Amino acid sequence: MNITIASFANGAITTTALTALWQYDYGQILKVEGIELPTAYEVQFCNAGDSETITSIGDADGVVIPDQFLQNGKTIYAYIYLHTGA
């Protein structure tokens, strides 16, 4: 499996874009750096234009990107929702 890293500068919880994934590049792991994540967290994946997401569980090693999102060459969105307590 290959690891793609999403880095968030200075702990900013906003968006970031990656360009390292290719169509049919199965077995990908998304690892998030620069923000504090709980031991286990949910990541919702979808392709551009989709109306529904698929949820995967991430941990310290990252989260597996479901292969179905790498089949069509469309942009992949990954949503991580964190409660900051504020």
C-alpha atoms as a PDB file:
ATOM      1  CA  MET A   1       0.000   0.000   0.000  1.00  0.00           C
ATOM      2  CA  ASN A   2       1.098   3.532  -0.740  1.00  0.00           C
ATOM      3  CA  ILE A   3       0.711   6.409   1.693  1.00  0.00           C
ATOM      4  CA  THR A   4      -0.482   9.849   0.643  1.00  0.00           C
ATOM      5  CA  ILE A   5       0.028  12.565   3.260  1.00  0.00           C
ATOM      6  CA  ALA A   6      -2.347  15.484   3.767  1.00  0.00           C
ATOM      7  CA  SER A   7      -0.485  18.165   5.734  1.00  0.00           C
ATOM      8  CA  PHE A   8      -2.243  21.002   7.490  1.00  0.00           C
ATOM      9  CA  ALA A   9       0.060  23.959   8.190  1.00  0.00           C
ATOM     10  CA  ASN A  10       0.192  25.299  11.745  1.00  0.00           C
ATOM     11  CA  GLY A  11      -2.692  23.099  12.861  1.00  0.00           C
ATOM     12  CA  ALA A  12      -5.122  25.008  10.656  1.00  0.00           C
ATOM     13  CA  ILE A  13      -8.277  22.975  10.247  1.00  0.00           C
ATOM     14  CA  THR A  14      -9.289  23.983   6.759  1.00  0.00           C
ATOM     15  CA  THR A  15      -8.828  22.274   3.410  1.00  0.00           C
ATOM     16  CA  THR A  16      -5.840  20.939   1.551  1.00  0.00           C
ATOM     17  CA  ALA A  17      -5.413  19.543  -1.954  1.00  0.00           C
ATOM     18  CA  LEU A  18      -3.310  16.583  -3.059  1.00  0.00           C
ATOM     19  CA  THR A  19      -2.310  15.518  -6.544  1.00  0.00           C
ATOM     20  CA  ALA A  20      -0.476  12.243  -5.851  1.00  0.00           C
ATOM     21  CA  LEU A  21      -3.252   9.753  -6.657  1.00  0.00           C
ATOM     22  CA  TRP A  22      -3.887   8.186 -10.061  1.00  0.00           C
ATOM     23  CA  GLN A  23      -6.788   6.282 -11.569  1.00  0.00           C
ATOM     24  CA  TYR A  24      -6.628   2.547 -10.693  1.00  0.00           C
ATOM     25  CA  ASP A  25      -3.860   3.221  -8.133  1.00  0.00           C
ATOM     26  CA  TYR A  26      -5.522   0.849  -5.654  1.00  0.00           C
ATOM     27  CA  GLY A  27      -4.461   0.207  -2.053  1.00  0.00           C
ATOM     28  CA  GLN A  28      -3.921   3.826  -1.026  1.00  0.00           C
ATOM     29  CA  ILE A  29      -3.723   5.101   2.546  1.00  0.00           C
ATOM     30  CA  LEU A  30      -4.436   8.718   3.468  1.00  0.00           C
ATOM     31  CA  LYS A  31      -2.410   9.962   6.431  1.00  0.00           C
ATOM     32  CA  VAL A  32      -3.228  13.307   8.040  1.00  0.00           C
ATOM     33  CA  GLU A  33      -0.501  15.433   9.633  1.00  0.00           C
ATOM     34  CA  GLY A  34      -0.521  18.799  11.356  1.00  0.00           C
ATOM     35  CA  ILE A  35      -3.781  18.428  13.280  1.00  0.00           C
ATOM     36  CA  GLU A  36      -4.492  16.442  16.398  1.00  0.00           C
ATOM     37  CA  LEU A  37      -6.738  13.484  15.706  1.00  0.00           C
ATOM     38  CA  PRO A  38      -8.353  11.091  18.194  1.00  0.00           C
ATOM     39  CA  THR A  39      -7.193   7.458  18.389  1.00  0.00           C
ATOM     40  CA  ALA A  40      -9.930   6.481  15.920  1.00  0.00           C
ATOM     41  CA  TYR A  41     -11.761   8.878  13.625  1.00  0.00           C
ATOM     42  CA  GLU A  42     -14.224   8.761  10.735  1.00  0.00           C
ATOM     43  CA  VAL A  43     -13.378   9.890   7.227  1.00  0.00           C
ATOM     44  CA  GLN A  44     -16.143  10.252   4.668  1.00  0.00           C
ATOM     45  CA  PHE A  45     -15.074   9.748   1.055  1.00  0.00           C
ATOM     46  CA  CYS A  46     -16.818  10.642  -2.188  1.00  0.00           C
ATOM     47  CA  ASN A  47     -15.993  11.513  -5.778  1.00  0.00           C
ATOM     48  CA  ALA A  48     -16.756  14.899  -7.300  1.00  0.00           C
ATOM     49  CA  GLY A  49     -20.453  15.030  -8.163  1.00  0.00           C
ATOM     50  CA  ASP A  50     -21.477  12.226  -5.776  1.00  0.00           C
ATOM     51  CA  SER A  51     -24.462  12.826  -3.532  1.00  0.00           C
ATOM     52  CA  GLU A  52     -23.476  10.205  -0.930  1.00  0.00           C
ATOM     53  CA  THR A  53     -20.292   9.368   0.972  1.00  0.00           C
ATOM     54  CA  ILE A  54     -18.742   6.152   2.253  1.00  0.00           C
ATOM     55  CA  THR A  55     -17.287   6.207   5.756  1.00  0.00           C
ATOM     56  CA  SER A  56     -13.946   4.610   6.655  1.00  0.00           C
ATOM     57  CA  ILE A  57     -12.305   4.469  10.077  1.00  0.00           C
ATOM     58  CA  GLY A  58      -8.833   5.931  10.476  1.00  0.00           C
ATOM     59  CA  ASP A  59      -6.211   5.443  13.175  1.00  0.00           C
ATOM     60  CA  ALA A  60      -2.592   6.477  13.833  1.00  0.00           C
ATOM     61  CA  ASP A  61      -1.507   4.711  10.625  1.00  0.00           C
ATOM     62  CA  GLY A  62      -4.024   6.597   8.479  1.00  0.00           C
ATOM     63  CA  VAL A  63      -7.186   5.539   6.674  1.00  0.00           C
ATOM     64  CA  VAL A  64      -7.587   3.297   3.647  1.00  0.00           C
ATOM     65  CA  ILE A  65      -9.069   5.116   0.652  1.00  0.00           C
ATOM     66  CA  PRO A  66     -11.806   2.833  -0.730  1.00  0.00           C
ATOM     67  CA  ASP A  67     -10.662   1.532  -4.137  1.00  0.00           C
ATOM     68  CA  GLN A  68     -13.977   2.396  -5.783  1.00  0.00           C
ATOM     69  CA  PHE A  69     -13.044   6.092  -5.605  1.00  0.00           C
ATOM     70  CA  LEU A  70      -9.890   5.426  -7.615  1.00  0.00           C
ATOM     71  CA  GLN A  71     -11.716   3.759 -10.505  1.00  0.00           C
ATOM     72  CA  ASN A  72     -13.112   6.674 -12.461  1.00  0.00           C
ATOM     73  CA  GLY A  73     -10.423   9.357 -12.501  1.00  0.00           C
ATOM     74  CA  LYS A  74     -12.614  11.925 -10.707  1.00  0.00           C
ATOM     75  CA  THR A  75     -11.548  14.179  -7.855  1.00  0.00           C
ATOM     76  CA  ILE A  76     -11.775  12.433  -4.476  1.00  0.00           C
ATOM     77  CA  TYR A  77     -13.021  14.318  -1.435  1.00  0.00           C
ATOM     78  CA  ALA A  78     -12.228  13.181   2.107  1.00  0.00           C
ATOM     79  CA  TYR A  79     -14.136  14.808   4.962  1.00  0.00           C
ATOM     80  CA  ILE A  80     -12.951  14.588   8.567  1.00  0.00           C
ATOM     81  CA  TYR A  81     -15.202  16.189  11.162  1.00  0.00           C
ATOM     82  CA  LEU A  82     -13.617  17.063  14.495  1.00  0.00           C
ATOM     83  CA  HIS A  83     -15.274  18.507  17.564  1.00  0.00           C
ATOM     84  CA  THR A  84     -12.959  21.108  19.059  1.00  0.00           C
ATOM     85  CA  GLY A  85     -14.962  21.581  22.246  1.00  0.00           C
ATOM     86  CA  ALA A  86     -15.431  25.275  21.455  1.00  0.00           C
END
